[in-house]
Each structure stands twice: as structure tokens, then as C-alpha cells.
């Protein structure tokens, strides 16, 4: 019995402890029914001065990837032997991620003064090629795109659902892992929600604009995306809303 207790204690100590950063007081929560679901609800929570989370907007309906979720690379620990997000797998990264930085076709948008916004041009790229040294990062060319990889990576391609985007920092700088997934954003959904995504989280334009208008970089905003059973299981240990 003593040996079993010691073994259990060692395993507990070895398990990676995690909770939301204490300075984070704004969290977007995405909940799916299962790891295979491409539908989700999105809600925005804020923490008051007493350290208590309150829902301030939502829930809104949204879509995620065609094949559901897989663990992404963010702030959370990665469970051993769990399915992980990979480039082109048609899964949305699950876990806890920093969010911030907006891109769009519009000259200006309603947002917090400290939230960066860039009106993209034909020279703005987001590289999804794992063999590129610019993998999963924003790149601005000094010339109009002319090579095939430049044209494929253009952020502005006349596709209205991508005309407004909020970045989700999955597999992000400073060390993106090639092939672990790239270009993950909140953006406008397709076909009034009839179509899933290849990895992003989408919602009606009005709700996306509301979300972007409320995101405050000074509150260390995060995105938590999990299936409901996992969210319920991790809510206490991770101090989720």
C-alpha cells in the first residue's frame, strides 16, 4: 500500500500543473459537444475586482473545423498521446490561447485603442507552408506578389468571410513548429453557418464585431476552446470561468 501511495504521489507531482494566468481578466470561451463536433457556442467572460468571472456576452452560435477538434499549441499542457493539431487536418486547435491583433479589408473598425488593427493590402501575406522560414506569421512584401507561394499566401483574396479576422495564437511566435498548424483566427462564418471551417472559429459578422470591440489587450485576453465534458472536468483545476 505504501509503495502504491508513493507511486501515485510521484505521478501527481510529475503531472503538469496549469491554471489561467492570474492577470487574465477577459476570456472567450468556445464549447463544443464533443471532439468530433464542428458546431460550438462562444461566450465572453470578464473577471471583476473580487476575482469572480461573469458572462458579459453570448452565447453565440459558431462553427469550427469539419473534423472537430485536436489539442493545439498554446498556454496549456499537452496531454500525453492525445491527438494534436496538424497542418491540413481539418481540425480546430483546442486548449488555451492568447488572442489579439486584427486584420481586415476595412479602413477602420470599432475596437479598443490598444488593439492592433491592420488594413490588409495585396502585399500582406500569412504563410501556411511548413517548409517556409515565415511559417505561421504575417509578412508584408515590398513588391506585388509574383511567385506562386506569395499569391497563395495573400490575406486579401476577395473572400468576404476573411474580411475581418482576430488572431488566435496557436503554434505562434517565437517558435512555430513546422506542420503543427497555422493561420488560426476568429472570422466571419460562411453560408450563415452552414459550412464548417478548416481550423478557424467562425461566427456571424455582427457577433465578431461585438467581440473585437470588447477585446482589451490590457486584460490579457484568452481563448479557451474545449468539448463540454473536458471543460467541465478542467474548469476547477484550470480556474476557468
C-alpha atoms as a PDB file:
ATOM      1  CA  UNK A   1       0.000   0.000   0.000  1.00  0.00           C
ATOM      2  CA  UNK A   2       2.839   2.398   0.878  1.00  0.00           C
ATOM      3  CA  UNK A   3       4.502   1.708  -2.469  1.00  0.00           C
ATOM      4  CA  UNK A   4       1.258   2.370  -4.315  1.00  0.00           C
ATOM      5  CA  UNK A   5       0.800   5.656  -2.450  1.00  0.00           C
ATOM      6  CA  UNK A   6       4.364   6.746  -3.255  1.00  0.00           C
ATOM      7  CA  UNK A   7       3.903   5.863  -6.908  1.00  0.00           C
ATOM      8  CA  UNK A   8       0.654   7.863  -7.033  1.00  0.00           C
ATOM      9  CA  UNK A   9       2.364  10.815  -5.330  1.00  0.00           C
ATOM     10  CA  UNK A  10       5.220  10.788  -7.836  1.00  0.00           C
ATOM     11  CA  UNK A  11       2.792  10.693 -10.745  1.00  0.00           C
ATOM     12  CA  UNK A  12       0.842  13.605  -9.254  1.00  0.00           C
ATOM     13  CA  UNK A  13       3.990  15.659  -8.815  1.00  0.00           C
ATOM     14  CA  UNK A  14       5.111  14.856 -12.355  1.00  0.00           C
ATOM     15  CA  UNK A  15       1.777  15.893 -13.880  1.00  0.00           C
ATOM     16  CA  UNK A  16       1.976  19.394 -15.368  1.00  0.00           C
ATOM     17  CA  UNK A  17       0.026  21.853 -13.192  1.00  0.00           C
ATOM     18  CA  UNK A  18      -1.809  24.611 -15.039  1.00  0.00           C
ATOM     19  CA  UNK A  19      -4.268  27.396 -14.418  1.00  0.00           C
ATOM     20  CA  UNK A  20      -5.216  30.550 -16.288  1.00  0.00           C
ATOM     21  CA  UNK A  21      -2.733  33.407 -15.782  1.00  0.00           C
ATOM     22  CA  UNK A  22      -3.845  35.466 -12.793  1.00  0.00           C
ATOM     23  CA  UNK A  23      -3.537  38.692 -14.781  1.00  0.00           C
ATOM     24  CA  UNK A  24      -6.035  37.459 -17.371  1.00  0.00           C
ATOM     25  CA  UNK A  25      -9.439  39.003 -16.704  1.00  0.00           C
ATOM     26  CA  UNK A  26     -11.071  38.527 -20.110  1.00  0.00           C
ATOM     27  CA  UNK A  27     -11.720  35.098 -21.636  1.00  0.00           C
ATOM     28  CA  UNK A  28     -13.567  33.990 -24.734  1.00  0.00           C
ATOM     29  CA  UNK A  29     -14.960  30.504 -24.136  1.00  0.00           C
ATOM     30  CA  UNK A  30     -15.784  28.153 -27.001  1.00  0.00           C
ATOM     31  CA  UNK A  31     -17.657  24.947 -26.173  1.00  0.00           C
ATOM     32  CA  UNK A  32     -18.394  22.017 -28.499  1.00  0.00           C
ATOM     33  CA  UNK A  33     -20.451  18.940 -27.644  1.00  0.00           C
ATOM     34  CA  UNK A  34     -17.572  16.583 -28.479  1.00  0.00           C
ATOM     35  CA  UNK A  35     -14.133  16.329 -30.067  1.00  0.00           C
ATOM     36  CA  UNK A  36     -15.839  15.480 -33.374  1.00  0.00           C
ATOM     37  CA  UNK A  37     -18.292  18.393 -33.459  1.00  0.00           C
ATOM     38  CA  UNK A  38     -17.950  21.294 -35.892  1.00  0.00           C
ATOM     39  CA  UNK A  39     -20.546  23.420 -34.064  1.00  0.00           C
ATOM     40  CA  UNK A  40     -19.832  25.443 -30.936  1.00  0.00           C
ATOM     41  CA  UNK A  41     -21.124  28.190 -28.696  1.00  0.00           C
ATOM     42  CA  UNK A  42     -18.990  31.261 -27.980  1.00  0.00           C
ATOM     43  CA  UNK A  43     -19.285  33.393 -24.824  1.00  0.00           C
ATOM     44  CA  UNK A  44     -17.258  36.274 -23.409  1.00  0.00           C
ATOM     45  CA  UNK A  45     -16.389  36.377 -19.697  1.00  0.00           C
ATOM     46  CA  UNK A  46     -14.730  39.081 -17.619  1.00  0.00           C
ATOM     47  CA  UNK A  47     -13.345  38.894 -14.097  1.00  0.00           C
ATOM     48  CA  UNK A  48     -14.346  41.557 -11.587  1.00  0.00           C
ATOM     49  CA  UNK A  49     -12.244  43.070  -8.806  1.00  0.00           C
ATOM     50  CA  UNK A  50     -13.257  40.229  -6.478  1.00  0.00           C
ATOM     51  CA  UNK A  51     -11.776  37.669  -8.866  1.00  0.00           C
ATOM     52  CA  UNK A  52     -15.192  36.351  -9.925  1.00  0.00           C
ATOM     53  CA  UNK A  53     -15.953  35.555 -13.567  1.00  0.00           C
ATOM     54  CA  UNK A  54     -19.138  36.953 -15.128  1.00  0.00           C
ATOM     55  CA  UNK A  55     -20.554  36.296 -18.585  1.00  0.00           C
ATOM     56  CA  UNK A  56     -20.784  39.662 -20.364  1.00  0.00           C
ATOM     57  CA  UNK A  57     -21.881  38.496 -23.827  1.00  0.00           C
ATOM     58  CA  UNK A  58     -23.098  35.411 -25.626  1.00  0.00           C
ATOM     59  CA  UNK A  59     -23.617  32.583 -26.008  1.00  0.00           C
ATOM     60  CA  UNK A  60     -23.437  32.879 -29.774  1.00  0.00           C
ATOM     61  CA  UNK A  61     -23.554  30.061 -32.271  1.00  0.00           C
ATOM     62  CA  UNK A  62     -20.394  29.397 -34.247  1.00  0.00           C
ATOM     63  CA  UNK A  63     -18.590  26.871 -36.419  1.00  0.00           C
ATOM     64  CA  UNK A  64     -15.214  25.221 -36.144  1.00  0.00           C
ATOM     65  CA  UNK A  65     -13.400  22.673 -38.278  1.00  0.00           C
ATOM     66  CA  UNK A  66     -15.065  19.978 -40.367  1.00  0.00           C
ATOM     67  CA  UNK A  67     -13.490  17.132 -38.370  1.00  0.00           C
ATOM     68  CA  UNK A  68     -13.840  18.770 -34.957  1.00  0.00           C
ATOM     69  CA  UNK A  69     -11.027  19.498 -32.505  1.00  0.00           C
ATOM     70  CA  UNK A  70      -7.480  18.372 -31.709  1.00  0.00           C
ATOM     71  CA  UNK A  71      -5.164  19.680 -28.992  1.00  0.00           C
ATOM     72  CA  UNK A  72      -3.356  22.832 -30.117  1.00  0.00           C
ATOM     73  CA  UNK A  73      -0.132  24.508 -29.034  1.00  0.00           C
ATOM     74  CA  UNK A  74      -0.919  27.329 -26.602  1.00  0.00           C
ATOM     75  CA  UNK A  75      -0.538  28.043 -22.896  1.00  0.00           C
ATOM     76  CA  UNK A  76      -1.969  24.735 -21.650  1.00  0.00           C
ATOM     77  CA  UNK A  77      -0.075  21.473 -21.094  1.00  0.00           C
ATOM     78  CA  UNK A  78      -0.435  18.866 -23.837  1.00  0.00           C
ATOM     79  CA  UNK A  79      -1.851  15.546 -22.664  1.00  0.00           C
ATOM     80  CA  UNK A  80       0.357  12.571 -23.452  1.00  0.00           C
ATOM     81  CA  UNK A  81      -0.656  10.543 -26.528  1.00  0.00           C
ATOM     82  CA  UNK A  82      -3.531  12.924 -27.290  1.00  0.00           C
ATOM     83  CA  UNK A  83      -4.458  13.851 -30.855  1.00  0.00           C
ATOM     84  CA  UNK A  84      -2.703  17.109 -31.795  1.00  0.00           C
ATOM     85  CA  UNK A  85      -3.463  19.735 -34.399  1.00  0.00           C
ATOM     86  CA  UNK A  86      -1.528  19.327 -37.666  1.00  0.00           C
ATOM     87  CA  UNK A  87      -1.433  21.353 -40.861  1.00  0.00           C
ATOM     88  CA  UNK A  88      -4.274  20.397 -43.198  1.00  0.00           C
ATOM     89  CA  UNK A  89      -6.029  18.005 -40.794  1.00  0.00           C
ATOM     90  CA  UNK A  90      -9.368  19.910 -40.855  1.00  0.00           C
ATOM     91  CA  UNK A  91      -9.367  20.232 -37.060  1.00  0.00           C
ATOM     92  CA  UNK A  92      -9.552  23.303 -34.836  1.00  0.00           C
ATOM     93  CA  UNK A  93      -6.919  23.608 -32.089  1.00  0.00           C
ATOM     94  CA  UNK A  94      -8.334  23.085 -28.591  1.00  0.00           C
ATOM     95  CA  UNK A  95      -6.853  24.451 -25.368  1.00  0.00           C
ATOM     96  CA  UNK A  96      -5.986  27.900 -24.036  1.00  0.00           C
ATOM     97  CA  UNK A  97      -4.569  30.555 -26.360  1.00  0.00           C
ATOM     98  CA  UNK A  98      -3.677  34.220 -26.276  1.00  0.00           C
ATOM     99  CA  UNK A  99      -5.704  36.354 -28.669  1.00  0.00           C
ATOM    100  CA  UNK A 100      -5.139  39.764 -30.185  1.00  0.00           C
ATOM    101  CA  UNK A 101      -4.301  41.555 -33.360  1.00  0.00           C
ATOM    102  CA  UNK A 102      -6.918  42.177 -36.028  1.00  0.00           C
ATOM    103  CA  UNK A 103      -6.687  42.240 -39.796  1.00  0.00           C
ATOM    104  CA  UNK A 104      -9.287  43.239 -42.354  1.00  0.00           C
ATOM    105  CA  UNK A 105     -10.270  44.836 -45.629  1.00  0.00           C
ATOM    106  CA  UNK A 106     -11.963  47.800 -43.931  1.00  0.00           C
ATOM    107  CA  UNK A 107     -10.350  51.198 -43.498  1.00  0.00           C
ATOM    108  CA  UNK A 108     -11.212  51.222 -39.799  1.00  0.00           C
ATOM    109  CA  UNK A 109     -13.175  49.173 -37.260  1.00  0.00           C
ATOM    110  CA  UNK A 110     -14.640  49.690 -33.803  1.00  0.00           C
ATOM    111  CA  UNK A 111     -12.029  48.405 -31.330  1.00  0.00           C
ATOM    112  CA  UNK A 112     -10.088  49.107 -28.148  1.00  0.00           C
ATOM    113  CA  UNK A 113      -7.447  51.817 -28.783  1.00  0.00           C
ATOM    114  CA  UNK A 114      -4.651  49.407 -27.818  1.00  0.00           C
ATOM    115  CA  UNK A 115      -5.822  46.514 -30.008  1.00  0.00           C
ATOM    116  CA  UNK A 116      -3.713  46.488 -33.201  1.00  0.00           C
ATOM    117  CA  UNK A 117      -5.607  46.606 -36.484  1.00  0.00           C
ATOM    118  CA  UNK A 118      -4.098  46.399 -39.947  1.00  0.00           C
ATOM    119  CA  UNK A 119      -5.986  47.078 -43.151  1.00  0.00           C
ATOM    120  CA  UNK A 120      -4.517  44.398 -45.389  1.00  0.00           C
ATOM    121  CA  UNK A 121      -3.366  45.048 -48.926  1.00  0.00           C
ATOM    122  CA  UNK A 122      -2.385  42.706 -51.736  1.00  0.00           C
ATOM    123  CA  UNK A 123       1.127  42.637 -50.208  1.00  0.00           C
ATOM    124  CA  UNK A 124       0.018  41.230 -46.831  1.00  0.00           C
ATOM    125  CA  UNK A 125       0.691  37.510 -46.528  1.00  0.00           C
ATOM    126  CA  UNK A 126       0.075  34.814 -43.918  1.00  0.00           C
ATOM    127  CA  UNK A 127       2.316  31.860 -44.695  1.00  0.00           C
ATOM    128  CA  UNK A 128       0.922  28.332 -44.258  1.00  0.00           C
ATOM    129  CA  UNK A 129       3.751  26.410 -45.942  1.00  0.00           C
ATOM    130  CA  UNK A 130       5.584  24.355 -43.242  1.00  0.00           C
ATOM    131  CA  UNK A 131       8.791  24.433 -45.293  1.00  0.00           C
ATOM    132  CA  UNK A 132       8.904  28.243 -45.261  1.00  0.00           C
ATOM    133  CA  UNK A 133      11.021  30.205 -42.773  1.00  0.00           C
ATOM    134  CA  UNK A 134       7.978  32.514 -42.498  1.00  0.00           C
ATOM    135  CA  UNK A 135       5.625  29.692 -41.435  1.00  0.00           C
ATOM    136  CA  UNK A 136       2.575  30.862 -39.461  1.00  0.00           C
ATOM    137  CA  UNK A 137       3.425  34.518 -39.429  1.00  0.00           C
ATOM    138  CA  UNK A 138       2.334  37.768 -41.008  1.00  0.00           C
ATOM    139  CA  UNK A 139       4.606  39.005 -43.776  1.00  0.00           C
ATOM    140  CA  UNK A 140       4.446  42.232 -45.792  1.00  0.00           C
ATOM    141  CA  UNK A 141       6.105  42.160 -49.214  1.00  0.00           C
ATOM    142  CA  UNK A 142       7.987  45.122 -50.643  1.00  0.00           C
ATOM    143  CA  UNK A 143       6.547  44.291 -54.060  1.00  0.00           C
ATOM    144  CA  UNK A 144       3.329  42.942 -55.513  1.00  0.00           C
ATOM    145  CA  UNK A 145       3.075  39.142 -55.226  1.00  0.00           C
ATOM    146  CA  UNK A 146       4.557  37.387 -58.237  1.00  0.00           C
ATOM    147  CA  UNK A 147       5.745  33.964 -57.097  1.00  0.00           C
ATOM    148  CA  UNK A 148       3.210  31.169 -56.594  1.00  0.00           C
ATOM    149  CA  UNK A 149       3.835  30.900 -52.834  1.00  0.00           C
ATOM    150  CA  UNK A 150       3.302  34.637 -52.446  1.00  0.00           C
ATOM    151  CA  UNK A 151      -0.004  34.541 -54.301  1.00  0.00           C
ATOM    152  CA  UNK A 152      -1.229  31.538 -52.295  1.00  0.00           C
ATOM    153  CA  UNK A 153      -0.382  33.290 -49.008  1.00  0.00           C
ATOM    154  CA  UNK A 154      -2.182  36.567 -49.740  1.00  0.00           C
ATOM    155  CA  UNK A 155      -4.509  37.629 -46.933  1.00  0.00           C
ATOM    156  CA  UNK A 156      -6.664  39.683 -49.293  1.00  0.00           C
ATOM    157  CA  UNK A 157      -8.239  37.489 -51.952  1.00  0.00           C
ATOM    158  CA  UNK A 158     -11.727  38.963 -52.298  1.00  0.00           C
ATOM    159  CA  UNK A 159     -13.148  36.428 -49.828  1.00  0.00           C
ATOM    160  CA  UNK A 160     -15.635  38.304 -47.606  1.00  0.00           C
ATOM    161  CA  UNK A 161     -15.615  35.835 -44.650  1.00  0.00           C
ATOM    162  CA  UNK A 162     -11.921  36.727 -44.261  1.00  0.00           C
ATOM    163  CA  UNK A 163     -12.543  40.470 -44.469  1.00  0.00           C
ATOM    164  CA  UNK A 164     -12.324  40.744 -40.666  1.00  0.00           C
ATOM    165  CA  UNK A 165     -10.143  38.492 -38.517  1.00  0.00           C
ATOM    166  CA  UNK A 166      -8.984  38.275 -34.893  1.00  0.00           C
ATOM    167  CA  UNK A 167      -5.811  36.240 -34.320  1.00  0.00           C
ATOM    168  CA  UNK A 168      -5.761  33.119 -32.144  1.00  0.00           C
ATOM    169  CA  UNK A 169      -2.166  32.410 -31.078  1.00  0.00           C
ATOM    170  CA  UNK A 170      -1.968  28.678 -31.815  1.00  0.00           C
ATOM    171  CA  UNK A 171       1.582  27.491 -32.629  1.00  0.00           C
ATOM    172  CA  UNK A 172       2.620  31.119 -32.731  1.00  0.00           C
ATOM    173  CA  UNK A 173       5.826  33.099 -32.436  1.00  0.00           C
ATOM    174  CA  UNK A 174       8.531  32.976 -31.267  1.00  0.00           C
ATOM    175  CA  UNK A 175       8.873  29.291 -32.285  1.00  0.00           C
ATOM    176  CA  UNK A 176       6.145  27.918 -34.546  1.00  0.00           C
ATOM    177  CA  UNK A 177       6.650  24.197 -35.109  1.00  0.00           C
ATOM    178  CA  UNK A 178       6.545  23.394 -38.845  1.00  0.00           C
ATOM    179  CA  UNK A 179       3.473  21.351 -39.668  1.00  0.00           C
ATOM    180  CA  UNK A 180       1.740  21.883 -36.300  1.00  0.00           C
ATOM    181  CA  UNK A 181      -0.927  24.152 -37.791  1.00  0.00           C
ATOM    182  CA  UNK A 182      -1.108  27.763 -38.907  1.00  0.00           C
ATOM    183  CA  UNK A 183      -3.346  30.722 -39.690  1.00  0.00           C
ATOM    184  CA  UNK A 184      -5.914  30.250 -36.917  1.00  0.00           C
ATOM    185  CA  UNK A 185      -8.345  33.145 -36.488  1.00  0.00           C
ATOM    186  CA  UNK A 186     -11.824  34.158 -35.496  1.00  0.00           C
ATOM    187  CA  UNK A 187     -13.543  35.293 -38.688  1.00  0.00           C
ATOM    188  CA  UNK A 188     -16.971  35.640 -40.328  1.00  0.00           C
ATOM    189  CA  UNK A 189     -18.783  32.373 -40.937  1.00  0.00           C
ATOM    190  CA  UNK A 190     -19.776  31.047 -44.351  1.00  0.00           C
ATOM    191  CA  UNK A 191     -23.274  30.407 -45.632  1.00  0.00           C
ATOM    192  CA  UNK A 192     -24.904  31.766 -42.479  1.00  0.00           C
ATOM    193  CA  UNK A 193     -23.237  28.983 -40.524  1.00  0.00           C
ATOM    194  CA  UNK A 194     -23.993  26.201 -42.986  1.00  0.00           C
ATOM    195  CA  UNK A 195     -20.310  25.489 -43.622  1.00  0.00           C
ATOM    196  CA  UNK A 196     -17.574  24.310 -41.214  1.00  0.00           C
ATOM    197  CA  UNK A 197     -14.015  25.626 -41.330  1.00  0.00           C
ATOM    198  CA  UNK A 198     -10.595  24.111 -41.952  1.00  0.00           C
ATOM    199  CA  UNK A 199      -9.369  25.150 -38.484  1.00  0.00           C
ATOM    200  CA  UNK A 200     -10.647  28.609 -37.540  1.00  0.00           C
ATOM    201  CA  UNK A 201     -13.565  29.638 -35.323  1.00  0.00           C
ATOM    202  CA  UNK A 202     -16.305  31.491 -37.194  1.00  0.00           C
ATOM    203  CA  UNK A 203     -19.483  33.339 -36.235  1.00  0.00           C
ATOM    204  CA  UNK A 204     -21.924  35.909 -37.634  1.00  0.00           C
ATOM    205  CA  UNK A 205     -20.278  39.194 -38.573  1.00  0.00           C
ATOM    206  CA  UNK A 206     -22.287  41.195 -36.020  1.00  0.00           C
ATOM    207  CA  UNK A 207     -21.093  38.955 -33.182  1.00  0.00           C
ATOM    208  CA  UNK A 208     -17.493  39.034 -34.400  1.00  0.00           C
ATOM    209  CA  UNK A 209     -17.581  42.830 -34.458  1.00  0.00           C
ATOM    210  CA  UNK A 210     -19.038  42.871 -30.940  1.00  0.00           C
ATOM    211  CA  UNK A 211     -16.279  40.549 -29.743  1.00  0.00           C
ATOM    212  CA  UNK A 212     -13.498  42.591 -31.351  1.00  0.00           C
ATOM    213  CA  UNK A 213     -14.933  45.831 -29.940  1.00  0.00           C
ATOM    214  CA  UNK A 214     -14.727  44.409 -26.397  1.00  0.00           C
ATOM    215  CA  UNK A 215     -11.294  42.777 -26.506  1.00  0.00           C
ATOM    216  CA  UNK A 216      -8.942  44.760 -24.242  1.00  0.00           C
ATOM    217  CA  UNK A 217      -5.216  43.904 -24.609  1.00  0.00           C
ATOM    218  CA  UNK A 218      -4.622  45.256 -21.087  1.00  0.00           C
ATOM    219  CA  UNK A 219      -6.733  42.415 -19.660  1.00  0.00           C
ATOM    220  CA  UNK A 220      -4.563  39.652 -21.188  1.00  0.00           C
ATOM    221  CA  UNK A 221      -7.459  38.210 -23.219  1.00  0.00           C
ATOM    222  CA  UNK A 222      -7.505  34.454 -23.863  1.00  0.00           C
ATOM    223  CA  UNK A 223      -9.461  31.935 -25.900  1.00  0.00           C
ATOM    224  CA  UNK A 224     -10.458  28.672 -24.217  1.00  0.00           C
ATOM    225  CA  UNK A 225     -11.834  26.055 -26.604  1.00  0.00           C
ATOM    226  CA  UNK A 226     -12.811  22.604 -25.323  1.00  0.00           C
ATOM    227  CA  UNK A 227     -15.535  19.969 -25.644  1.00  0.00           C
ATOM    228  CA  UNK A 228     -18.052  20.334 -22.813  1.00  0.00           C
ATOM    229  CA  UNK A 229     -17.033  17.178 -20.892  1.00  0.00           C
ATOM    230  CA  UNK A 230     -13.395  18.315 -20.871  1.00  0.00           C
ATOM    231  CA  UNK A 231     -14.333  21.878 -19.976  1.00  0.00           C
ATOM    232  CA  UNK A 232     -16.366  20.644 -17.026  1.00  0.00           C
ATOM    233  CA  UNK A 233     -13.507  18.387 -15.901  1.00  0.00           C
ATOM    234  CA  UNK A 234     -10.836  21.087 -16.190  1.00  0.00           C
ATOM    235  CA  UNK A 235     -12.885  24.063 -15.025  1.00  0.00           C
ATOM    236  CA  UNK A 236     -11.769  23.802 -11.394  1.00  0.00           C
ATOM    237  CA  UNK A 237      -8.084  22.847 -11.809  1.00  0.00           C
ATOM    238  CA  UNK A 238      -7.522  25.396 -14.602  1.00  0.00           C
ATOM    239  CA  UNK A 239      -9.659  28.096 -12.893  1.00  0.00           C
ATOM    240  CA  UNK A 240     -11.813  28.543 -15.977  1.00  0.00           C
ATOM    241  CA  UNK A 241     -14.873  30.827 -15.977  1.00  0.00           C
END
